[in-house]
Amino acid sequence: MDVTNVNKLLNNQSPRERVEWAISQAKNPVLTTNFRPYESAIIHLVTAVKPDIKVIWCDTGYNTPQTYRHAKEIIDQLKLNIAIYVPQLSAAYRDVILGIPEVDTPAHDEFTRQVKLEPFQRAMAEHQPDLWFTNLRKGQTAFRDSIDVVSQGKDGIIKVSPFYDFSDEQLDKYLVENNLSTEHKYFDPTKVLSNRECGLHA
């Protein structure tokens, strides 16, 4: 796929048109989510085009109570075809025996691998997608500023971010127009700081 030419086409299209284009190209698309703020927008957008798309949630076990309640609400409201993947060690065990290591250390790198990367890699190996919908947006991290609506990973999977050029204000409007909730009390133990990359996309 010529990603540059595809982005020239899609940059002038709406998020809905971007999703429709992507679905027309894909044999086995998936949508990943962590139910962080504004995730309900992309879940609604993609499932409106393909209601039965597999929605993958890699739950680190460290989400806030508010995030878990929000996830349950969206799963039920949008009748999601969801697959949940969790780490091999529980958060309760880690809290007692290991804890969350300090960021930017080898121990935290291993922690990230165990609670996020391994469940994600397991999910991708099981579902074998050729196209992956995400809610990456420009302005979130330096890496995300370097991509576009459509990008291609080292694994060959096409990554599509329909709301790539949307602001928080535009997403707020989308949520209101579609009667969707969001939840801002969210915690990612592998990032801690909002401007750190999560590890799945770089």
N, C-alpha and C. Protein backbone atom coordinates (compact mmCIF):
# COMPACT_ATOMS: atom_id res chain seq x y z
N MET A 1 0.84 -1.20 0.00
CA MET A 1 0.00 0.00 0.00
C MET A 1 0.88 1.25 0.00
N ASP A 2 0.53 2.21 -0.83
CA ASP A 2 1.23 3.48 -0.87
C ASP A 2 0.59 4.41 0.17
N VAL A 3 1.17 4.41 1.37
CA VAL A 3 0.59 5.14 2.49
C VAL A 3 0.52 6.64 2.21
N THR A 4 1.52 7.18 1.55
CA THR A 4 1.55 8.62 1.26
C THR A 4 0.35 9.03 0.42
N ASN A 5 0.09 8.30 -0.65
CA ASN A 5 -1.04 8.64 -1.51
C ASN A 5 -2.38 8.41 -0.82
N VAL A 6 -2.45 7.38 0.00
CA VAL A 6 -3.68 7.11 0.75
C VAL A 6 -3.98 8.28 1.69
N ASN A 7 -2.96 8.77 2.36
CA ASN A 7 -3.17 9.89 3.28
C ASN A 7 -3.57 11.16 2.55
N LYS A 8 -3.04 11.37 1.36
CA LYS A 8 -3.47 12.52 0.55
C LYS A 8 -4.97 12.45 0.28
N LEU A 9 -5.45 11.25 0.04
CA LEU A 9 -6.88 11.04 -0.20
C LEU A 9 -7.69 11.24 1.07
N LEU A 10 -7.25 10.61 2.16
CA LEU A 10 -8.05 10.57 3.38
C LEU A 10 -7.98 11.85 4.20
N ASN A 11 -6.94 12.62 4.04
CA ASN A 11 -6.82 13.85 4.83
C ASN A 11 -7.96 14.83 4.56
N ASN A 12 -8.59 14.72 3.42
CA ASN A 12 -9.71 15.61 3.08
C ASN A 12 -11.07 14.97 3.33
N GLN A 13 -11.05 13.80 3.96
CA GLN A 13 -12.31 13.10 4.21
C GLN A 13 -12.67 13.12 5.69
N SER A 14 -13.92 12.82 5.97
CA SER A 14 -14.40 12.80 7.35
C SER A 14 -13.94 11.51 8.04
N PRO A 15 -13.98 11.47 9.37
CA PRO A 15 -13.64 10.23 10.07
C PRO A 15 -14.50 9.05 9.61
N ARG A 16 -15.77 9.28 9.37
CA ARG A 16 -16.64 8.20 8.89
C ARG A 16 -16.17 7.68 7.53
N GLU A 17 -15.84 8.59 6.62
CA GLU A 17 -15.36 8.18 5.30
C GLU A 17 -14.03 7.43 5.40
N ARG A 18 -13.19 7.83 6.34
CA ARG A 18 -11.92 7.13 6.55
C ARG A 18 -12.16 5.69 7.00
N VAL A 19 -13.12 5.52 7.91
CA VAL A 19 -13.44 4.17 8.38
C VAL A 19 -14.03 3.34 7.25
N GLU A 20 -14.93 3.92 6.48
CA GLU A 20 -15.54 3.18 5.37
C GLU A 20 -14.47 2.74 4.36
N TRP A 21 -13.52 3.63 4.07
CA TRP A 21 -12.43 3.26 3.17
C TRP A 21 -11.63 2.09 3.75
N ALA A 22 -11.29 2.19 5.02
CA ALA A 22 -10.47 1.16 5.65
C ALA A 22 -11.17 -0.20 5.67
N ILE A 23 -12.45 -0.19 6.01
CA ILE A 23 -13.21 -1.44 6.05
C ILE A 23 -13.27 -2.07 4.66
N SER A 24 -13.37 -1.24 3.64
CA SER A 24 -13.43 -1.76 2.26
C SER A 24 -12.11 -2.40 1.84
N GLN A 25 -11.01 -2.03 2.50
CA GLN A 25 -9.69 -2.55 2.15
C GLN A 25 -9.31 -3.79 2.96
N ALA A 26 -9.93 -3.96 4.12
CA ALA A 26 -9.47 -4.97 5.08
C ALA A 26 -10.18 -6.30 4.94
N LYS A 27 -9.45 -7.36 5.21
CA LYS A 27 -10.04 -8.69 5.30
C LYS A 27 -10.35 -9.06 6.74
N ASN A 28 -9.51 -8.59 7.66
CA ASN A 28 -9.69 -8.95 9.07
C ASN A 28 -9.31 -7.78 9.97
N PRO A 29 -10.12 -6.73 9.99
CA PRO A 29 -9.80 -5.56 10.82
C PRO A 29 -10.11 -5.80 12.29
N VAL A 30 -9.38 -5.11 13.16
CA VAL A 30 -9.69 -5.10 14.59
C VAL A 30 -9.64 -3.66 15.08
N LEU A 31 -10.27 -3.44 16.22
CA LEU A 31 -10.23 -2.15 16.91
C LEU A 31 -9.68 -2.42 18.30
N THR A 32 -8.64 -1.68 18.70
CA THR A 32 -8.15 -1.81 20.07
C THR A 32 -8.60 -0.62 20.88
N THR A 33 -8.80 -0.84 22.17
CA THR A 33 -9.22 0.23 23.06
C THR A 33 -8.67 -0.03 24.45
N ASN A 34 -8.52 1.05 25.21
CA ASN A 34 -8.20 0.91 26.63
C ASN A 34 -9.21 1.70 27.48
N PHE A 35 -10.25 2.21 26.82
CA PHE A 35 -11.34 2.94 27.48
C PHE A 35 -10.84 4.20 28.20
N ARG A 36 -9.73 4.75 27.70
CA ARG A 36 -9.26 6.03 28.22
C ARG A 36 -10.19 7.13 27.70
N PRO A 37 -9.97 8.40 28.10
CA PRO A 37 -10.84 9.48 27.61
C PRO A 37 -10.95 9.51 26.08
N TYR A 38 -12.16 9.70 25.61
CA TYR A 38 -12.53 9.82 24.20
C TYR A 38 -12.53 8.50 23.42
N GLU A 39 -12.24 7.39 24.07
CA GLU A 39 -12.26 6.12 23.34
C GLU A 39 -13.66 5.75 22.86
N SER A 40 -14.68 6.18 23.59
CA SER A 40 -16.04 5.84 23.17
C SER A 40 -16.36 6.42 21.79
N ALA A 41 -15.68 7.51 21.42
CA ALA A 41 -15.93 8.12 20.10
C ALA A 41 -15.49 7.18 18.98
N ILE A 42 -14.26 6.68 19.04
CA ILE A 42 -13.81 5.80 17.96
C ILE A 42 -14.53 4.47 17.98
N ILE A 43 -14.87 3.97 19.17
CA ILE A 43 -15.61 2.71 19.23
C ILE A 43 -16.96 2.88 18.54
N HIS A 44 -17.64 3.98 18.84
CA HIS A 44 -18.93 4.25 18.21
C HIS A 44 -18.78 4.41 16.70
N LEU A 45 -17.78 5.17 16.28
CA LEU A 45 -17.57 5.45 14.86
C LEU A 45 -17.33 4.17 14.07
N VAL A 46 -16.43 3.32 14.55
CA VAL A 46 -16.06 2.11 13.80
C VAL A 46 -17.18 1.08 13.84
N THR A 47 -17.82 0.90 14.98
CA THR A 47 -18.90 -0.10 15.06
C THR A 47 -20.15 0.35 14.31
N ALA A 48 -20.29 1.65 14.08
CA ALA A 48 -21.41 2.12 13.26
C ALA A 48 -21.27 1.64 11.82
N VAL A 49 -20.02 1.47 11.37
CA VAL A 49 -19.76 0.98 10.02
C VAL A 49 -19.70 -0.55 10.00
N LYS A 50 -19.08 -1.12 11.01
CA LYS A 50 -18.95 -2.59 11.08
C LYS A 50 -19.29 -3.04 12.51
N PRO A 51 -20.58 -3.30 12.78
CA PRO A 51 -21.02 -3.60 14.15
C PRO A 51 -20.35 -4.82 14.78
N ASP A 52 -19.93 -5.78 13.96
CA ASP A 52 -19.38 -7.01 14.52
C ASP A 52 -17.86 -7.02 14.60
N ILE A 53 -17.21 -5.88 14.37
CA ILE A 53 -15.75 -5.86 14.41
C ILE A 53 -15.25 -6.32 15.78
N LYS A 54 -14.16 -7.07 15.77
CA LYS A 54 -13.59 -7.52 17.03
C LYS A 54 -12.94 -6.33 17.74
N VAL A 55 -13.36 -6.09 18.98
CA VAL A 55 -12.81 -5.01 19.80
C VAL A 55 -11.92 -5.65 20.86
N ILE A 56 -10.64 -5.29 20.84
CA ILE A 56 -9.66 -5.89 21.75
C ILE A 56 -9.32 -4.91 22.87
N TRP A 57 -9.49 -5.37 24.10
CA TRP A 57 -9.15 -4.58 25.28
C TRP A 57 -8.06 -5.31 26.04
N CYS A 58 -6.86 -4.74 26.08
CA CYS A 58 -5.78 -5.27 26.90
C CYS A 58 -5.84 -4.54 28.24
N ASP A 59 -6.43 -5.18 29.23
CA ASP A 59 -6.65 -4.59 30.55
C ASP A 59 -5.44 -4.88 31.43
N THR A 60 -4.68 -3.83 31.77
CA THR A 60 -3.48 -4.00 32.59
C THR A 60 -3.80 -4.47 34.00
N GLY A 61 -5.05 -4.28 34.43
CA GLY A 61 -5.42 -4.59 35.81
C GLY A 61 -5.30 -3.40 36.73
N TYR A 62 -4.81 -2.28 36.21
CA TYR A 62 -4.57 -1.08 37.02
C TYR A 62 -5.53 0.05 36.67
N ASN A 63 -6.60 -0.24 35.95
CA ASN A 63 -7.55 0.81 35.63
C ASN A 63 -8.28 1.29 36.88
N THR A 64 -8.77 2.52 36.82
CA THR A 64 -9.53 3.07 37.94
C THR A 64 -10.92 2.43 37.99
N PRO A 65 -11.57 2.47 39.14
CA PRO A 65 -12.96 1.98 39.20
C PRO A 65 -13.85 2.69 38.19
N GLN A 66 -13.60 3.98 37.99
CA GLN A 66 -14.40 4.76 37.04
C GLN A 66 -14.22 4.22 35.61
N THR A 67 -12.98 3.85 35.26
CA THR A 67 -12.73 3.31 33.92
C THR A 67 -13.44 1.98 33.73
N TYR A 68 -13.40 1.12 34.74
CA TYR A 68 -14.08 -0.18 34.61
C TYR A 68 -15.59 0.00 34.46
N ARG A 69 -16.16 0.93 35.20
CA ARG A 69 -17.61 1.17 35.07
C ARG A 69 -17.93 1.76 33.70
N HIS A 70 -17.09 2.67 33.25
CA HIS A 70 -17.28 3.27 31.92
C HIS A 70 -17.18 2.21 30.83
N ALA A 71 -16.20 1.32 30.94
CA ALA A 71 -16.03 0.24 29.96
C ALA A 71 -17.29 -0.62 29.89
N LYS A 72 -17.81 -0.99 31.05
CA LYS A 72 -19.03 -1.82 31.09
C LYS A 72 -20.20 -1.09 30.42
N GLU A 73 -20.31 0.21 30.67
CA GLU A 73 -21.39 0.99 30.07
C GLU A 73 -21.29 1.00 28.55
N ILE A 74 -20.09 1.23 28.01
CA ILE A 74 -19.91 1.30 26.56
C ILE A 74 -20.06 -0.07 25.92
N ILE A 75 -19.54 -1.10 26.57
CA ILE A 75 -19.68 -2.47 26.04
C ILE A 75 -21.16 -2.82 25.89
N ASP A 76 -21.95 -2.46 26.89
CA ASP A 76 -23.38 -2.76 26.86
C ASP A 76 -24.13 -1.86 25.88
N GLN A 77 -23.83 -0.56 25.91
CA GLN A 77 -24.54 0.40 25.06
C GLN A 77 -24.34 0.09 23.58
N LEU A 78 -23.10 -0.24 23.20
CA LEU A 78 -22.78 -0.44 21.79
C LEU A 78 -22.73 -1.92 21.40
N LYS A 79 -23.07 -2.79 22.36
CA LYS A 79 -23.15 -4.24 22.09
C LYS A 79 -21.86 -4.74 21.41
N LEU A 80 -20.75 -4.48 22.07
CA LEU A 80 -19.45 -4.75 21.47
C LEU A 80 -19.12 -6.23 21.39
N ASN A 81 -18.47 -6.59 20.31
CA ASN A 81 -17.91 -7.93 20.13
C ASN A 81 -16.50 -7.88 20.72
N ILE A 82 -16.42 -7.97 22.03
CA ILE A 82 -15.18 -7.64 22.72
C ILE A 82 -14.41 -8.88 23.15
N ALA A 83 -13.08 -8.76 23.08
CA ALA A 83 -12.17 -9.79 23.57
C ALA A 83 -11.23 -9.10 24.55
N ILE A 84 -11.18 -9.60 25.79
CA ILE A 84 -10.39 -8.97 26.84
C ILE A 84 -9.15 -9.82 27.12
N TYR A 85 -8.01 -9.17 27.14
CA TYR A 85 -6.74 -9.84 27.42
C TYR A 85 -6.11 -9.22 28.67
N VAL A 86 -5.62 -10.06 29.55
CA VAL A 86 -5.04 -9.59 30.82
C VAL A 86 -3.64 -10.18 30.99
N PRO A 87 -2.81 -9.54 31.83
CA PRO A 87 -1.47 -10.07 32.08
C PRO A 87 -1.52 -11.43 32.76
N GLN A 88 -0.41 -12.15 32.69
CA GLN A 88 -0.34 -13.47 33.30
C GLN A 88 -0.25 -13.39 34.82
N LEU A 89 0.27 -12.28 35.35
CA LEU A 89 0.27 -12.04 36.79
C LEU A 89 -0.77 -10.97 37.11
N SER A 90 -1.51 -11.17 38.19
CA SER A 90 -2.56 -10.22 38.55
C SER A 90 -1.97 -8.95 39.15
N ALA A 91 -2.74 -7.87 39.06
CA ALA A 91 -2.33 -6.61 39.68
C ALA A 91 -2.23 -6.77 41.20
N ALA A 92 -3.12 -7.57 41.79
CA ALA A 92 -3.08 -7.78 43.23
C ALA A 92 -1.76 -8.43 43.66
N TYR A 93 -1.30 -9.40 42.90
CA TYR A 93 -0.02 -10.04 43.20
C TYR A 93 1.12 -9.03 43.08
N ARG A 94 1.10 -8.25 42.02
CA ARG A 94 2.16 -7.26 41.81
C ARG A 94 2.19 -6.24 42.94
N ASP A 95 1.02 -5.80 43.36
CA ASP A 95 0.96 -4.79 44.42
C ASP A 95 1.65 -5.25 45.69
N VAL A 96 1.53 -6.54 45.99
CA VAL A 96 2.12 -7.09 47.21
C VAL A 96 3.59 -7.46 47.03
N ILE A 97 3.90 -8.09 45.91
CA ILE A 97 5.24 -8.66 45.71
C ILE A 97 6.18 -7.75 44.93
N LEU A 98 5.66 -7.09 43.91
CA LEU A 98 6.53 -6.37 42.97
C LEU A 98 6.32 -4.86 42.96
N GLY A 99 5.08 -4.42 43.00
CA GLY A 99 4.79 -3.01 42.88
C GLY A 99 4.98 -2.52 41.45
N ILE A 100 4.81 -1.21 41.23
CA ILE A 100 5.05 -0.61 39.92
C ILE A 100 6.44 0.03 39.96
N PRO A 101 7.37 -0.44 39.15
CA PRO A 101 8.73 0.11 39.19
C PRO A 101 8.78 1.56 38.73
N GLU A 102 9.85 2.23 39.08
CA GLU A 102 10.08 3.61 38.67
C GLU A 102 10.25 3.66 37.16
N VAL A 103 9.68 4.70 36.52
CA VAL A 103 9.75 4.81 35.06
C VAL A 103 11.19 5.00 34.59
N ASP A 104 11.39 4.66 33.31
CA ASP A 104 12.70 4.81 32.66
C ASP A 104 13.79 4.00 33.35
N THR A 105 13.41 2.81 33.78
CA THR A 105 14.36 1.85 34.35
C THR A 105 14.14 0.50 33.66
N PRO A 106 15.15 -0.38 33.68
CA PRO A 106 14.95 -1.72 33.10
C PRO A 106 13.79 -2.47 33.75
N ALA A 107 13.59 -2.26 35.04
CA ALA A 107 12.48 -2.94 35.73
C ALA A 107 11.14 -2.47 35.19
N HIS A 108 11.04 -1.16 34.91
CA HIS A 108 9.77 -0.65 34.35
C HIS A 108 9.57 -1.11 32.92
N ASP A 109 10.65 -1.23 32.17
CA ASP A 109 10.55 -1.78 30.80
C ASP A 109 9.98 -3.19 30.84
N GLU A 110 10.46 -4.00 31.78
CA GLU A 110 9.96 -5.37 31.91
C GLU A 110 8.51 -5.37 32.39
N PHE A 111 8.19 -4.47 33.30
CA PHE A 111 6.81 -4.32 33.77
C PHE A 111 5.88 -4.01 32.59
N THR A 112 6.29 -3.06 31.74
CA THR A 112 5.50 -2.71 30.56
C THR A 112 5.32 -3.90 29.64
N ARG A 113 6.38 -4.66 29.46
CA ARG A 113 6.29 -5.85 28.60
C ARG A 113 5.26 -6.82 29.16
N GLN A 114 5.29 -7.02 30.46
CA GLN A 114 4.42 -8.02 31.08
C GLN A 114 2.96 -7.60 31.12
N VAL A 115 2.69 -6.34 31.45
CA VAL A 115 1.29 -5.94 31.65
C VAL A 115 0.62 -5.40 30.40
N LYS A 116 1.43 -4.98 29.40
CA LYS A 116 0.82 -4.39 28.21
C LYS A 116 1.25 -5.08 26.91
N LEU A 117 2.55 -5.20 26.70
CA LEU A 117 3.01 -5.71 25.41
C LEU A 117 2.69 -7.19 25.23
N GLU A 118 2.91 -8.01 26.25
CA GLU A 118 2.65 -9.45 26.09
C GLU A 118 1.17 -9.73 25.84
N PRO A 119 0.24 -9.15 26.62
CA PRO A 119 -1.18 -9.38 26.30
C PRO A 119 -1.57 -8.87 24.91
N PHE A 120 -1.00 -7.72 24.51
CA PHE A 120 -1.29 -7.18 23.19
C PHE A 120 -0.76 -8.10 22.09
N GLN A 121 0.46 -8.57 22.23
CA GLN A 121 1.05 -9.47 21.23
C GLN A 121 0.28 -10.78 21.17
N ARG A 122 -0.20 -11.25 22.31
CA ARG A 122 -1.01 -12.46 22.35
C ARG A 122 -2.32 -12.25 21.60
N ALA A 123 -2.93 -11.08 21.80
CA ALA A 123 -4.17 -10.77 21.11
C ALA A 123 -3.97 -10.70 19.60
N MET A 124 -2.91 -10.02 19.17
CA MET A 124 -2.65 -9.89 17.74
C MET A 124 -2.32 -11.24 17.11
N ALA A 125 -1.59 -12.08 17.82
CA ALA A 125 -1.25 -13.41 17.30
C ALA A 125 -2.51 -14.27 17.15
N GLU A 126 -3.43 -14.10 18.07
CA GLU A 126 -4.67 -14.88 18.01
C GLU A 126 -5.60 -14.42 16.91
N HIS A 127 -5.70 -13.10 16.70
CA HIS A 127 -6.68 -12.57 15.75
C HIS A 127 -6.10 -12.31 14.36
N GLN A 128 -4.79 -12.17 14.24
CA GLN A 128 -4.13 -12.02 12.95
C GLN A 128 -4.77 -10.93 12.08
N PRO A 129 -4.87 -9.69 12.58
CA PRO A 129 -5.51 -8.63 11.79
C PRO A 129 -4.60 -8.15 10.66
N ASP A 130 -5.23 -7.65 9.61
CA ASP A 130 -4.46 -6.97 8.56
C ASP A 130 -4.62 -5.46 8.67
N LEU A 131 -5.59 -5.02 9.49
CA LEU A 131 -5.83 -3.59 9.68
C LEU A 131 -6.28 -3.35 11.11
N TRP A 132 -5.76 -2.28 11.70
CA TRP A 132 -5.93 -2.01 13.12
C TRP A 132 -6.39 -0.57 13.31
N PHE A 133 -7.61 -0.40 13.85
CA PHE A 133 -8.12 0.93 14.16
C PHE A 133 -7.64 1.37 15.55
N THR A 134 -7.11 2.59 15.63
CA THR A 134 -6.68 3.14 16.91
C THR A 134 -7.21 4.57 17.03
N ASN A 135 -7.09 5.12 18.23
CA ASN A 135 -7.51 6.51 18.45
C ASN A 135 -6.31 7.43 18.65
N LEU A 136 -5.20 7.13 17.94
CA LEU A 136 -4.04 8.02 18.01
C LEU A 136 -4.42 9.37 17.42
N ARG A 137 -3.90 10.42 18.04
CA ARG A 137 -4.17 11.78 17.54
C ARG A 137 -2.91 12.62 17.55
N LYS A 138 -2.85 13.51 16.60
CA LYS A 138 -1.74 14.46 16.52
C LYS A 138 -1.71 15.30 17.79
N GLY A 139 -0.49 15.55 18.29
CA GLY A 139 -0.35 16.38 19.48
C GLY A 139 -0.25 15.60 20.77
N GLN A 140 -0.41 14.26 20.73
CA GLN A 140 -0.36 13.47 21.95
C GLN A 140 1.08 13.17 22.38
N THR A 141 1.92 12.72 21.43
CA THR A 141 3.33 12.45 21.71
C THR A 141 4.12 12.81 20.46
N ALA A 142 5.44 12.88 20.61
CA ALA A 142 6.28 13.19 19.45
C ALA A 142 6.13 12.14 18.37
N PHE A 143 6.05 10.87 18.76
CA PHE A 143 5.89 9.81 17.77
C PHE A 143 4.58 9.98 17.01
N ARG A 144 3.51 10.28 17.71
CA ARG A 144 2.20 10.39 17.07
C ARG A 144 2.13 11.59 16.14
N ASP A 145 2.94 12.60 16.42
CA ASP A 145 3.02 13.74 15.50
C ASP A 145 3.69 13.35 14.19
N SER A 146 4.44 12.26 14.19
CA SER A 146 5.22 11.87 13.01
C SER A 146 4.46 10.95 12.06
N ILE A 147 3.27 10.49 12.47
CA ILE A 147 2.50 9.60 11.60
C ILE A 147 1.36 10.38 10.95
N ASP A 148 0.34 9.68 10.46
CA ASP A 148 -0.79 10.35 9.81
C ASP A 148 -2.02 9.48 10.04
N VAL A 149 -3.08 9.77 9.29
CA VAL A 149 -4.32 8.99 9.43
C VAL A 149 -4.03 7.51 9.21
N VAL A 150 -3.24 7.20 8.22
CA VAL A 150 -2.88 5.81 7.91
C VAL A 150 -1.36 5.65 8.01
N SER A 151 -0.93 4.60 8.69
CA SER A 151 0.49 4.27 8.77
C SER A 151 0.62 2.76 8.72
N GLN A 152 1.84 2.30 8.56
CA GLN A 152 2.08 0.85 8.48
C GLN A 152 3.20 0.49 9.43
N GLY A 153 2.94 -0.46 10.32
CA GLY A 153 3.94 -0.88 11.29
C GLY A 153 4.97 -1.81 10.69
N LYS A 154 6.00 -2.09 11.48
CA LYS A 154 7.05 -3.01 11.05
C LYS A 154 6.50 -4.41 10.79
N ASP A 155 5.38 -4.72 11.43
CA ASP A 155 4.76 -6.03 11.26
C ASP A 155 3.89 -6.10 10.00
N GLY A 156 3.78 -4.98 9.28
CA GLY A 156 2.99 -4.96 8.05
C GLY A 156 1.53 -4.61 8.24
N ILE A 157 1.07 -4.53 9.48
CA ILE A 157 -0.33 -4.22 9.75
C ILE A 157 -0.59 -2.74 9.45
N ILE A 158 -1.67 -2.47 8.72
CA ILE A 158 -2.08 -1.11 8.43
C ILE A 158 -2.79 -0.54 9.65
N LYS A 159 -2.36 0.63 10.10
CA LYS A 159 -2.93 1.27 11.27
C LYS A 159 -3.72 2.50 10.81
N VAL A 160 -4.97 2.59 11.24
CA VAL A 160 -5.84 3.69 10.81
C VAL A 160 -6.34 4.45 12.04
N SER A 161 -6.13 5.75 12.03
CA SER A 161 -6.54 6.63 13.13
C SER A 161 -7.54 7.66 12.58
N PRO A 162 -8.83 7.32 12.56
CA PRO A 162 -9.82 8.18 11.89
C PRO A 162 -9.93 9.59 12.46
N PHE A 163 -9.67 9.75 13.76
CA PHE A 163 -9.77 11.06 14.41
C PHE A 163 -8.40 11.71 14.56
N TYR A 164 -7.44 11.33 13.74
CA TYR A 164 -6.05 11.78 13.90
C TYR A 164 -5.91 13.30 14.04
N ASP A 165 -6.67 14.04 13.25
CA ASP A 165 -6.54 15.50 13.25
C ASP A 165 -7.64 16.20 14.05
N PHE A 166 -8.34 15.47 14.91
CA PHE A 166 -9.40 16.05 15.72
C PHE A 166 -8.86 16.59 17.04
N SER A 167 -9.42 17.70 17.48
CA SER A 167 -9.09 18.27 18.79
C SER A 167 -10.01 17.68 19.85
N ASP A 168 -9.67 17.92 21.12
CA ASP A 168 -10.56 17.50 22.20
C ASP A 168 -11.94 18.12 22.04
N GLU A 169 -11.98 19.37 21.62
CA GLU A 169 -13.26 20.07 21.48
C GLU A 169 -14.12 19.41 20.40
N GLN A 170 -13.49 18.98 19.31
CA GLN A 170 -14.24 18.30 18.25
C GLN A 170 -14.76 16.95 18.73
N LEU A 171 -13.95 16.27 19.53
CA LEU A 171 -14.40 14.98 20.06
C LEU A 171 -15.50 15.17 21.10
N ASP A 172 -15.40 16.22 21.90
CA ASP A 172 -16.48 16.53 22.85
C ASP A 172 -17.80 16.70 22.10
N LYS A 173 -17.75 17.41 21.00
CA LYS A 173 -18.96 17.63 20.19
C LYS A 173 -19.48 16.30 19.64
N TYR A 174 -18.58 15.43 19.18
CA TYR A 174 -18.99 14.12 18.66
C TYR A 174 -19.68 13.31 19.76
N LEU A 175 -19.13 13.35 20.97
CA LEU A 175 -19.73 12.60 22.08
C LEU A 175 -21.14 13.09 22.38
N VAL A 176 -21.31 14.40 22.42
CA VAL A 176 -22.62 14.97 22.71
C VAL A 176 -23.62 14.60 21.62
N GLU A 177 -23.20 14.74 20.38
CA GLU A 177 -24.10 14.46 19.25
C GLU A 177 -24.54 12.99 19.22
N ASN A 178 -23.72 12.10 19.76
CA ASN A 178 -24.03 10.68 19.69
C ASN A 178 -24.37 10.06 21.04
N ASN A 179 -24.64 10.94 22.03
CA ASN A 179 -25.09 10.49 23.35
C ASN A 179 -24.12 9.48 23.96
N LEU A 180 -22.84 9.84 23.92
CA LEU A 180 -21.79 8.96 24.45
C LEU A 180 -21.14 9.59 25.68
N SER A 181 -20.80 8.74 26.62
CA SER A 181 -20.07 9.22 27.80
C SER A 181 -18.57 9.06 27.58
N THR A 182 -17.80 9.74 28.39
CA THR A 182 -16.35 9.52 28.43
C THR A 182 -15.95 9.54 29.89
N GLU A 183 -14.73 9.12 30.18
CA GLU A 183 -14.26 9.07 31.57
C GLU A 183 -12.83 9.57 31.63
N HIS A 184 -12.60 10.59 32.46
CA HIS A 184 -11.28 11.22 32.52
C HIS A 184 -10.44 10.73 33.70
N LYS A 185 -11.03 9.96 34.61
CA LYS A 185 -10.24 9.39 35.72
C LYS A 185 -9.64 8.07 35.25
N TYR A 186 -8.54 8.20 34.53
CA TYR A 186 -7.91 7.07 33.87
C TYR A 186 -6.44 7.01 34.27
N PHE A 187 -5.90 5.81 34.43
CA PHE A 187 -4.51 5.65 34.83
C PHE A 187 -3.87 4.53 34.02
N ASP A 188 -2.72 4.85 33.42
CA ASP A 188 -1.93 3.85 32.70
C ASP A 188 -0.61 3.70 33.44
N PRO A 189 -0.38 2.56 34.10
CA PRO A 189 0.83 2.39 34.91
C PRO A 189 2.10 2.30 34.08
N THR A 190 1.97 2.07 32.77
CA THR A 190 3.16 1.98 31.93
C THR A 190 3.57 3.34 31.38
N LYS A 191 2.71 4.34 31.51
CA LYS A 191 3.04 5.68 31.01
C LYS A 191 3.35 6.63 32.15
N VAL A 192 2.46 6.68 33.14
CA VAL A 192 2.54 7.57 34.30
C VAL A 192 2.45 9.02 33.84
N LEU A 193 3.38 9.46 32.99
CA LEU A 193 3.33 10.82 32.44
C LEU A 193 2.58 10.79 31.12
N SER A 194 1.72 11.77 30.90
CA SER A 194 0.83 11.76 29.73
C SER A 194 1.57 11.85 28.41
N ASN A 195 2.78 12.42 28.41
CA ASN A 195 3.48 12.59 27.14
C ASN A 195 4.44 11.44 26.83
N ARG A 196 4.40 10.36 27.61
CA ARG A 196 5.21 9.18 27.31
C ARG A 196 4.43 8.29 26.35
N GLU A 197 5.12 7.65 25.43
CA GLU A 197 4.48 6.73 24.49
C GLU A 197 4.10 5.46 25.25
N CYS A 198 2.99 4.84 24.85
CA CYS A 198 2.48 3.70 25.61
C CYS A 198 3.23 2.41 25.35
N GLY A 199 3.97 2.34 24.27
CA GLY A 199 4.75 1.14 23.99
C GLY A 199 4.20 0.27 22.88
N LEU A 200 2.94 0.45 22.52
CA LEU A 200 2.34 -0.40 21.49
C LEU A 200 2.58 0.11 20.09
N HIS A 201 2.79 1.42 19.93
CA HIS A 201 2.74 2.03 18.59
C HIS A 201 4.09 2.37 17.99
N ALA A 202 5.07 2.66 18.80
CA ALA A 202 6.36 3.10 18.27
C ALA A 202 7.08 1.98 17.55
